N, C-alpha and C. Protein backbone atom coordinates (compact mmCIF):
# COMPACT_ATOMS: atom_id res chain seq x y z
N MET A 1 0.84 -1.16 0.00
CA MET A 1 0.00 0.00 0.00
C MET A 1 0.89 1.23 0.00
N HIS A 2 0.66 2.14 -0.92
CA HIS A 2 1.47 3.33 -1.11
C HIS A 2 0.58 4.56 -1.02
N ILE A 3 0.98 5.50 -0.17
CA ILE A 3 0.17 6.70 0.03
C ILE A 3 0.96 7.89 -0.47
N ASN A 4 0.41 8.66 -1.29
CA ASN A 4 1.03 9.89 -1.78
C ASN A 4 0.37 11.07 -1.09
N LYS A 5 1.19 11.98 -0.59
CA LYS A 5 0.67 13.19 0.02
C LYS A 5 1.17 14.35 -0.78
N LYS A 6 0.39 15.37 -0.87
CA LYS A 6 0.79 16.57 -1.59
C LYS A 6 0.69 17.77 -0.68
N ILE A 7 1.72 18.64 -0.75
CA ILE A 7 1.72 19.88 0.00
C ILE A 7 1.66 21.00 -1.01
N HIS A 8 0.80 21.96 -0.76
CA HIS A 8 0.69 23.11 -1.64
C HIS A 8 1.56 24.23 -1.10
N ILE A 9 2.64 24.53 -1.78
CA ILE A 9 3.53 25.61 -1.39
C ILE A 9 3.42 26.68 -2.47
N PHE A 10 2.93 27.82 -2.05
CA PHE A 10 2.67 28.94 -2.96
C PHE A 10 1.87 28.43 -4.16
N SER A 11 2.44 28.50 -5.33
CA SER A 11 1.66 28.07 -6.49
C SER A 11 2.06 26.69 -6.96
N GLY A 12 3.16 26.15 -6.41
CA GLY A 12 3.62 24.84 -6.88
C GLY A 12 3.17 23.74 -5.95
N GLU A 13 3.29 22.55 -6.43
CA GLU A 13 2.97 21.38 -5.62
C GLU A 13 4.22 20.54 -5.47
N ARG A 14 4.39 19.95 -4.31
CA ARG A 14 5.54 19.09 -4.07
C ARG A 14 5.02 17.79 -3.49
N GLU A 15 5.52 16.72 -4.01
CA GLU A 15 5.09 15.42 -3.53
C GLU A 15 6.04 14.96 -2.43
N ILE A 16 5.50 14.51 -1.32
CA ILE A 16 6.31 14.00 -0.22
C ILE A 16 6.37 12.50 -0.36
N SER A 17 7.61 12.03 -0.38
CA SER A 17 7.76 10.57 -0.47
C SER A 17 8.21 10.06 0.88
N GLY A 18 8.43 8.82 1.02
CA GLY A 18 8.84 8.22 2.27
C GLY A 18 10.33 8.36 2.54
N GLU A 19 11.10 9.05 1.67
CA GLU A 19 12.55 9.19 1.85
C GLU A 19 12.84 10.35 2.80
N ASN A 20 13.65 10.09 3.80
CA ASN A 20 14.06 11.13 4.76
C ASN A 20 15.55 11.39 4.58
N GLY A 21 16.00 12.60 4.92
CA GLY A 21 17.42 12.92 4.82
C GLY A 21 17.60 14.41 4.57
N PHE A 22 18.87 14.80 4.39
CA PHE A 22 19.21 16.19 4.16
C PHE A 22 19.68 16.36 2.73
N THR A 23 19.43 17.53 2.22
CA THR A 23 19.92 17.83 0.88
C THR A 23 21.36 18.30 0.99
N LEU A 24 22.05 18.32 -0.12
CA LEU A 24 23.45 18.74 -0.15
C LEU A 24 23.59 20.19 0.31
N ILE A 25 22.68 21.05 -0.05
CA ILE A 25 22.72 22.46 0.36
C ILE A 25 22.62 22.57 1.89
N GLU A 26 21.71 21.82 2.49
CA GLU A 26 21.55 21.86 3.94
C GLU A 26 22.82 21.41 4.66
N VAL A 27 23.45 20.38 4.15
CA VAL A 27 24.69 19.88 4.75
C VAL A 27 25.80 20.93 4.62
N LEU A 28 25.93 21.55 3.46
CA LEU A 28 26.96 22.57 3.25
C LEU A 28 26.74 23.78 4.16
N ILE A 29 25.52 24.18 4.33
CA ILE A 29 25.23 25.31 5.23
C ILE A 29 25.58 24.95 6.67
N ALA A 30 25.22 23.76 7.10
CA ALA A 30 25.52 23.32 8.47
C ALA A 30 27.03 23.24 8.71
N VAL A 31 27.76 22.70 7.74
CA VAL A 31 29.22 22.60 7.87
C VAL A 31 29.85 24.00 7.90
N SER A 32 29.34 24.92 7.09
CA SER A 32 29.86 26.29 7.07
C SER A 32 29.65 26.98 8.42
N ILE A 33 28.49 26.84 8.99
CA ILE A 33 28.20 27.45 10.30
C ILE A 33 29.11 26.83 11.37
N PHE A 34 29.30 25.55 11.32
CA PHE A 34 30.18 24.87 12.27
C PHE A 34 31.62 25.35 12.13
N ALA A 35 32.10 25.52 10.90
CA ALA A 35 33.47 25.99 10.65
C ALA A 35 33.67 27.41 11.17
N ILE A 36 32.69 28.26 10.98
CA ILE A 36 32.78 29.64 11.48
C ILE A 36 32.86 29.63 13.01
N GLY A 37 32.11 28.79 13.66
CA GLY A 37 32.17 28.66 15.11
C GLY A 37 33.53 28.19 15.59
N LEU A 38 34.12 27.22 14.88
CA LEU A 38 35.44 26.73 15.25
C LEU A 38 36.51 27.82 15.08
N LEU A 39 36.40 28.61 14.03
CA LEU A 39 37.35 29.70 13.82
C LEU A 39 37.24 30.74 14.94
N ALA A 40 36.05 31.03 15.37
CA ALA A 40 35.86 31.98 16.47
C ALA A 40 36.49 31.46 17.76
N ILE A 41 36.34 30.19 18.03
CA ILE A 41 36.94 29.59 19.22
C ILE A 41 38.46 29.61 19.13
N ALA A 42 39.01 29.35 17.95
CA ALA A 42 40.47 29.38 17.76
C ALA A 42 41.00 30.79 18.00
N ALA A 43 40.31 31.81 17.49
CA ALA A 43 40.74 33.19 17.71
C ALA A 43 40.68 33.55 19.19
N LEU A 44 39.68 33.07 19.88
CA LEU A 44 39.56 33.31 21.32
C LEU A 44 40.71 32.67 22.08
N GLN A 45 41.11 31.48 21.69
CA GLN A 45 42.23 30.80 22.34
C GLN A 45 43.53 31.58 22.16
N ILE A 46 43.76 32.11 20.97
CA ILE A 46 44.97 32.90 20.70
C ILE A 46 44.96 34.17 21.55
N SER A 47 43.83 34.83 21.61
CA SER A 47 43.71 36.05 22.40
C SER A 47 43.93 35.77 23.89
N THR A 48 43.41 34.68 24.37
CA THR A 48 43.57 34.30 25.77
C THR A 48 45.02 33.99 26.09
N ALA A 49 45.70 33.29 25.21
CA ALA A 49 47.12 32.97 25.42
C ALA A 49 47.95 34.24 25.48
N HIS A 50 47.66 35.20 24.61
CA HIS A 50 48.38 36.47 24.62
C HIS A 50 48.12 37.23 25.93
N GLY A 51 46.89 37.27 26.36
CA GLY A 51 46.54 37.94 27.61
C GLY A 51 47.24 37.31 28.81
N ASN A 52 47.33 36.00 28.83
CA ASN A 52 48.02 35.30 29.91
C ASN A 52 49.51 35.63 29.91
N ARG A 53 50.10 35.72 28.73
CA ARG A 53 51.53 36.03 28.62
C ARG A 53 51.81 37.45 29.13
N VAL A 54 50.96 38.40 28.74
CA VAL A 54 51.12 39.78 29.20
C VAL A 54 50.93 39.86 30.71
N GLY A 55 49.94 39.18 31.24
CA GLY A 55 49.70 39.16 32.68
C GLY A 55 50.87 38.56 33.45
N ASP A 56 51.47 37.53 32.90
CA ASP A 56 52.63 36.90 33.53
C ASP A 56 53.80 37.87 33.59
N GLN A 57 54.06 38.57 32.49
CA GLN A 57 55.16 39.54 32.47
C GLN A 57 54.89 40.69 33.43
N LEU A 58 53.65 41.15 33.49
CA LEU A 58 53.28 42.23 34.39
C LEU A 58 53.48 41.83 35.86
N THR A 59 53.13 40.61 36.20
CA THR A 59 53.32 40.11 37.56
C THR A 59 54.79 40.02 37.91
N LYS A 60 55.60 39.51 36.99
CA LYS A 60 57.04 39.40 37.23
C LYS A 60 57.67 40.78 37.40
N ALA A 61 57.28 41.74 36.56
CA ALA A 61 57.84 43.10 36.66
C ALA A 61 57.44 43.75 37.99
N THR A 62 56.22 43.54 38.41
CA THR A 62 55.76 44.09 39.69
C THR A 62 56.55 43.50 40.85
N MET A 63 56.81 42.22 40.79
CA MET A 63 57.59 41.58 41.85
C MET A 63 59.03 42.10 41.86
N LEU A 64 59.63 42.33 40.68
CA LEU A 64 60.98 42.89 40.62
C LEU A 64 61.02 44.29 41.23
N ALA A 65 60.01 45.10 40.94
CA ALA A 65 59.95 46.45 41.51
C ALA A 65 59.78 46.37 43.03
N GLN A 66 58.92 45.50 43.50
CA GLN A 66 58.71 45.34 44.94
C GLN A 66 59.98 44.86 45.64
N MET A 67 60.70 43.94 45.01
CA MET A 67 61.96 43.45 45.59
C MET A 67 62.96 44.59 45.76
N GLN A 68 63.04 45.47 44.76
CA GLN A 68 63.99 46.57 44.84
C GLN A 68 63.58 47.60 45.89
N VAL A 69 62.29 47.88 45.99
CA VAL A 69 61.81 48.80 47.03
C VAL A 69 62.17 48.25 48.40
N GLU A 70 61.96 46.97 48.62
CA GLU A 70 62.28 46.37 49.92
C GLU A 70 63.78 46.40 50.19
N THR A 71 64.59 46.16 49.18
CA THR A 71 66.04 46.22 49.34
C THR A 71 66.48 47.62 49.74
N LEU A 72 65.92 48.63 49.10
CA LEU A 72 66.28 50.01 49.41
C LEU A 72 65.79 50.42 50.79
N LYS A 73 64.62 49.95 51.18
CA LYS A 73 64.11 50.27 52.51
C LYS A 73 64.98 49.67 53.60
N ASN A 74 65.53 48.50 53.34
CA ASN A 74 66.38 47.84 54.31
C ASN A 74 67.78 48.45 54.38
N ALA A 75 68.14 49.29 53.41
CA ALA A 75 69.49 49.85 53.36
C ALA A 75 69.70 50.92 54.44
N GLY A 76 68.67 51.61 54.89
CA GLY A 76 68.82 52.66 55.89
C GLY A 76 68.95 54.03 55.24
N PHE A 77 68.58 55.05 55.99
CA PHE A 77 68.47 56.41 55.44
C PHE A 77 69.81 56.97 54.98
N ASN A 78 70.88 56.74 55.71
CA ASN A 78 72.19 57.31 55.38
C ASN A 78 73.16 56.27 54.80
N SER A 79 72.64 55.18 54.28
CA SER A 79 73.48 54.14 53.71
C SER A 79 74.25 54.67 52.51
N ALA A 80 75.48 54.18 52.31
CA ALA A 80 76.31 54.61 51.19
C ALA A 80 75.65 54.27 49.85
N ILE A 81 74.87 53.22 49.82
CA ILE A 81 74.21 52.82 48.57
C ILE A 81 73.18 53.85 48.11
N LEU A 82 72.71 54.67 49.04
CA LEU A 82 71.68 55.65 48.72
C LEU A 82 72.22 57.06 48.52
N LYS A 83 73.52 57.24 48.58
CA LYS A 83 74.11 58.56 48.38
C LYS A 83 74.45 58.71 46.91
N GLY A 84 73.81 59.67 46.27
CA GLY A 84 73.96 59.82 44.82
C GLY A 84 75.37 60.02 44.35
N ASP A 85 76.16 60.85 45.01
CA ASP A 85 77.52 61.09 44.56
C ASP A 85 78.54 60.39 45.44
N GLY A 86 78.07 59.55 46.35
CA GLY A 86 78.97 58.80 47.20
C GLY A 86 79.39 59.54 48.45
N ALA A 87 79.06 60.82 48.55
CA ALA A 87 79.50 61.58 49.73
C ALA A 87 78.35 62.32 50.39
N ASN A 88 77.46 62.87 49.62
CA ASN A 88 76.42 63.74 50.14
C ASN A 88 75.12 62.96 50.34
N ALA A 89 74.71 62.78 51.58
CA ALA A 89 73.49 62.02 51.87
C ALA A 89 72.24 62.80 51.49
N LEU A 90 72.35 64.10 51.28
CA LEU A 90 71.18 64.90 50.97
C LEU A 90 71.19 65.36 49.51
N VAL A 91 71.70 64.52 48.63
CA VAL A 91 71.71 64.83 47.21
C VAL A 91 70.26 65.03 46.74
N ALA A 92 70.04 65.99 45.86
CA ALA A 92 68.67 66.32 45.44
C ALA A 92 67.99 65.14 44.77
N THR A 93 68.60 64.56 43.77
CA THR A 93 68.03 63.42 43.07
C THR A 93 69.16 62.50 42.63
N ALA A 94 68.96 61.23 42.79
CA ALA A 94 69.95 60.25 42.34
C ALA A 94 69.23 59.20 41.50
N ASN A 95 69.80 58.93 40.32
CA ASN A 95 69.25 57.92 39.41
C ASN A 95 70.16 56.70 39.44
N TYR A 96 69.56 55.53 39.51
CA TYR A 96 70.32 54.30 39.59
C TYR A 96 69.85 53.35 38.50
N VAL A 97 70.79 52.56 38.00
CA VAL A 97 70.50 51.51 37.03
C VAL A 97 71.00 50.21 37.63
N ASP A 98 70.17 49.19 37.60
CA ASP A 98 70.58 47.89 38.14
C ASP A 98 71.80 47.40 37.37
N PRO A 99 72.90 47.09 38.07
CA PRO A 99 74.11 46.65 37.38
C PRO A 99 73.96 45.30 36.68
N ASN A 100 72.92 44.55 37.01
CA ASN A 100 72.71 43.25 36.38
C ASN A 100 71.82 43.31 35.14
N ASN A 101 71.38 44.50 34.74
CA ASN A 101 70.48 44.61 33.58
C ASN A 101 71.10 44.01 32.33
N PRO A 102 70.29 43.37 31.50
CA PRO A 102 68.90 42.99 31.70
C PRO A 102 68.79 41.81 32.67
N ILE A 103 67.70 41.80 33.43
CA ILE A 103 67.54 40.80 34.48
C ILE A 103 66.35 39.90 34.20
N ASP A 104 66.36 38.72 34.84
CA ASP A 104 65.22 37.82 34.73
C ASP A 104 64.28 38.06 35.90
N GLU A 105 63.28 37.21 36.05
CA GLU A 105 62.28 37.43 37.10
C GLU A 105 62.82 37.27 38.51
N ASN A 106 64.04 36.74 38.65
CA ASN A 106 64.67 36.61 39.96
C ASN A 106 65.68 37.71 40.24
N GLY A 107 65.85 38.65 39.31
CA GLY A 107 66.81 39.73 39.48
C GLY A 107 68.22 39.36 39.06
N VAL A 108 68.37 38.24 38.38
CA VAL A 108 69.68 37.75 37.95
C VAL A 108 69.90 38.16 36.49
N ASN A 109 71.13 38.44 36.15
CA ASN A 109 71.48 38.85 34.80
C ASN A 109 71.02 37.82 33.77
N GLY A 110 70.60 38.32 32.62
CA GLY A 110 70.26 37.43 31.51
C GLY A 110 68.79 37.34 31.18
N GLY A 111 67.97 38.26 31.64
CA GLY A 111 66.54 38.18 31.36
C GLY A 111 66.09 39.23 30.36
N ARG A 112 64.84 39.59 30.42
CA ARG A 112 64.26 40.56 29.49
C ARG A 112 63.85 41.86 30.16
N PHE A 113 64.05 41.97 31.47
CA PHE A 113 63.62 43.16 32.22
C PHE A 113 64.79 44.10 32.45
N THR A 114 64.48 45.41 32.48
CA THR A 114 65.46 46.44 32.81
C THR A 114 64.91 47.20 34.02
N ARG A 115 65.72 47.26 35.09
CA ARG A 115 65.26 47.89 36.32
C ARG A 115 66.10 49.13 36.61
N THR A 116 65.41 50.25 36.86
CA THR A 116 66.06 51.49 37.27
C THR A 116 65.27 52.07 38.44
N TRP A 117 65.90 52.97 39.19
CA TRP A 117 65.19 53.63 40.28
C TRP A 117 65.75 55.01 40.50
N THR A 118 64.92 55.84 41.05
CA THR A 118 65.28 57.23 41.36
C THR A 118 64.96 57.48 42.82
N ILE A 119 65.91 58.13 43.51
CA ILE A 119 65.70 58.50 44.90
C ILE A 119 65.77 60.02 44.98
N THR A 120 64.71 60.62 45.47
CA THR A 120 64.62 62.07 45.57
C THR A 120 64.34 62.45 47.01
N ASN A 121 65.08 63.43 47.52
CA ASN A 121 64.82 63.91 48.87
C ASN A 121 63.53 64.71 48.87
N ASN A 122 62.65 64.36 49.76
CA ASN A 122 61.38 65.05 49.91
C ASN A 122 61.51 66.12 50.99
N THR A 123 62.02 65.73 52.13
CA THR A 123 62.35 66.64 53.24
C THR A 123 63.68 66.17 53.81
N ALA A 124 64.10 66.75 54.90
CA ALA A 124 65.35 66.32 55.53
C ALA A 124 65.25 64.90 56.08
N PHE A 125 64.03 64.40 56.29
CA PHE A 125 63.86 63.08 56.88
C PHE A 125 63.01 62.13 56.05
N SER A 126 62.74 62.49 54.82
CA SER A 126 61.96 61.58 53.98
C SER A 126 62.47 61.61 52.54
N ARG A 127 62.31 60.50 51.87
CA ARG A 127 62.74 60.37 50.48
C ARG A 127 61.65 59.69 49.66
N LEU A 128 61.57 60.13 48.41
CA LEU A 128 60.66 59.50 47.45
C LEU A 128 61.48 58.54 46.61
N VAL A 129 61.08 57.29 46.60
CA VAL A 129 61.76 56.26 45.82
C VAL A 129 60.80 55.81 44.72
N THR A 130 61.27 55.86 43.49
CA THR A 130 60.48 55.41 42.35
C THR A 130 61.28 54.35 41.62
N VAL A 131 60.73 53.15 41.52
CA VAL A 131 61.37 52.04 40.83
C VAL A 131 60.61 51.78 39.54
N ASN A 132 61.36 51.67 38.44
CA ASN A 132 60.77 51.43 37.12
C ASN A 132 61.35 50.12 36.58
N VAL A 133 60.47 49.19 36.20
CA VAL A 133 60.88 47.95 35.57
C VAL A 133 60.24 47.92 34.20
N ALA A 134 61.09 47.86 33.16
CA ALA A 134 60.60 47.87 31.77
C ALA A 134 60.95 46.55 31.09
N TRP A 135 60.17 46.21 30.08
CA TRP A 135 60.46 45.04 29.25
C TRP A 135 59.93 45.30 27.86
N ASP A 136 60.22 44.40 26.93
CA ASP A 136 59.88 44.57 25.51
C ASP A 136 60.49 45.84 24.95
N GLY A 137 61.76 46.06 25.25
CA GLY A 137 62.45 47.22 24.73
C GLY A 137 61.94 48.53 25.29
N GLY A 138 61.35 48.51 26.47
CA GLY A 138 60.83 49.72 27.08
C GLY A 138 59.39 50.01 26.69
N GLY A 139 58.80 49.17 25.86
CA GLY A 139 57.43 49.38 25.43
C GLY A 139 56.41 49.18 26.54
N ARG A 140 56.77 48.37 27.51
CA ARG A 140 55.89 48.12 28.66
C ARG A 140 56.71 48.34 29.92
N ASN A 141 56.06 48.86 30.95
CA ASN A 141 56.78 49.06 32.20
C ASN A 141 55.84 49.12 33.39
N VAL A 142 56.44 48.90 34.56
CA VAL A 142 55.75 49.01 35.85
C VAL A 142 56.51 50.04 36.65
N VAL A 143 55.80 50.99 37.23
CA VAL A 143 56.40 52.01 38.07
C VAL A 143 55.81 51.87 39.47
N MET A 144 56.70 51.79 40.46
CA MET A 144 56.27 51.67 41.84
C MET A 144 56.96 52.78 42.63
N SER A 145 56.19 53.56 43.35
CA SER A 145 56.74 54.65 44.15
C SER A 145 56.37 54.48 45.61
N THR A 146 57.28 54.95 46.46
CA THR A 146 57.01 54.92 47.89
C THR A 146 57.68 56.13 48.53
N LEU A 147 57.05 56.66 49.53
CA LEU A 147 57.58 57.78 50.29
C LEU A 147 57.94 57.23 51.67
N THR A 148 59.20 57.35 52.04
CA THR A 148 59.63 56.77 53.31
C THR A 148 60.31 57.84 54.16
N ARG A 149 60.31 57.58 55.44
CA ARG A 149 61.02 58.48 56.37
C ARG A 149 61.40 57.69 57.61
N GLY A 150 62.30 58.24 58.34
CA GLY A 150 62.70 57.56 59.57
C GLY A 150 63.78 56.54 59.34
N GLY A 151 63.60 55.34 59.91
CA GLY A 151 64.64 54.31 59.87
C GLY A 151 64.91 53.75 58.49
N GLY A 152 63.89 53.73 57.62
CA GLY A 152 64.10 53.25 56.27
C GLY A 152 64.69 54.35 55.42
N ILE A 153 64.70 54.18 54.14
CA ILE A 153 65.28 55.22 53.29
C ILE A 153 64.44 56.46 53.24
């Protein structure tokens, strides 16, 4: 027993048979949509990897700056290391460059970071310390400042 059904679509008629499946056009459209979705996910993965790399470098640079601030604070207000010309403890401004530059994330020679710092007298008993850690040829940097007085620098 065979049953034929007819559907009226606009002005034409189409016969429905017992065959089920997808046409070639439907399959191509589905594959195209799927491919576009995969490309979007791949682009997202690349962007995420780049963001993680930048965040990692930023964290390392911040830690290098913090390490130097702590080292300078432990040196003491009149320490020879903090005297700009080696004799005058009240030098107006002294600029320092880490002798190990370029440094790695542990402060050891041979990395991609460049660390410098400036010590400026604020008053007779306080100093402004600004530590700058740069990487990527100076294109990116972290600046950390602290104002200290008393027993520290």
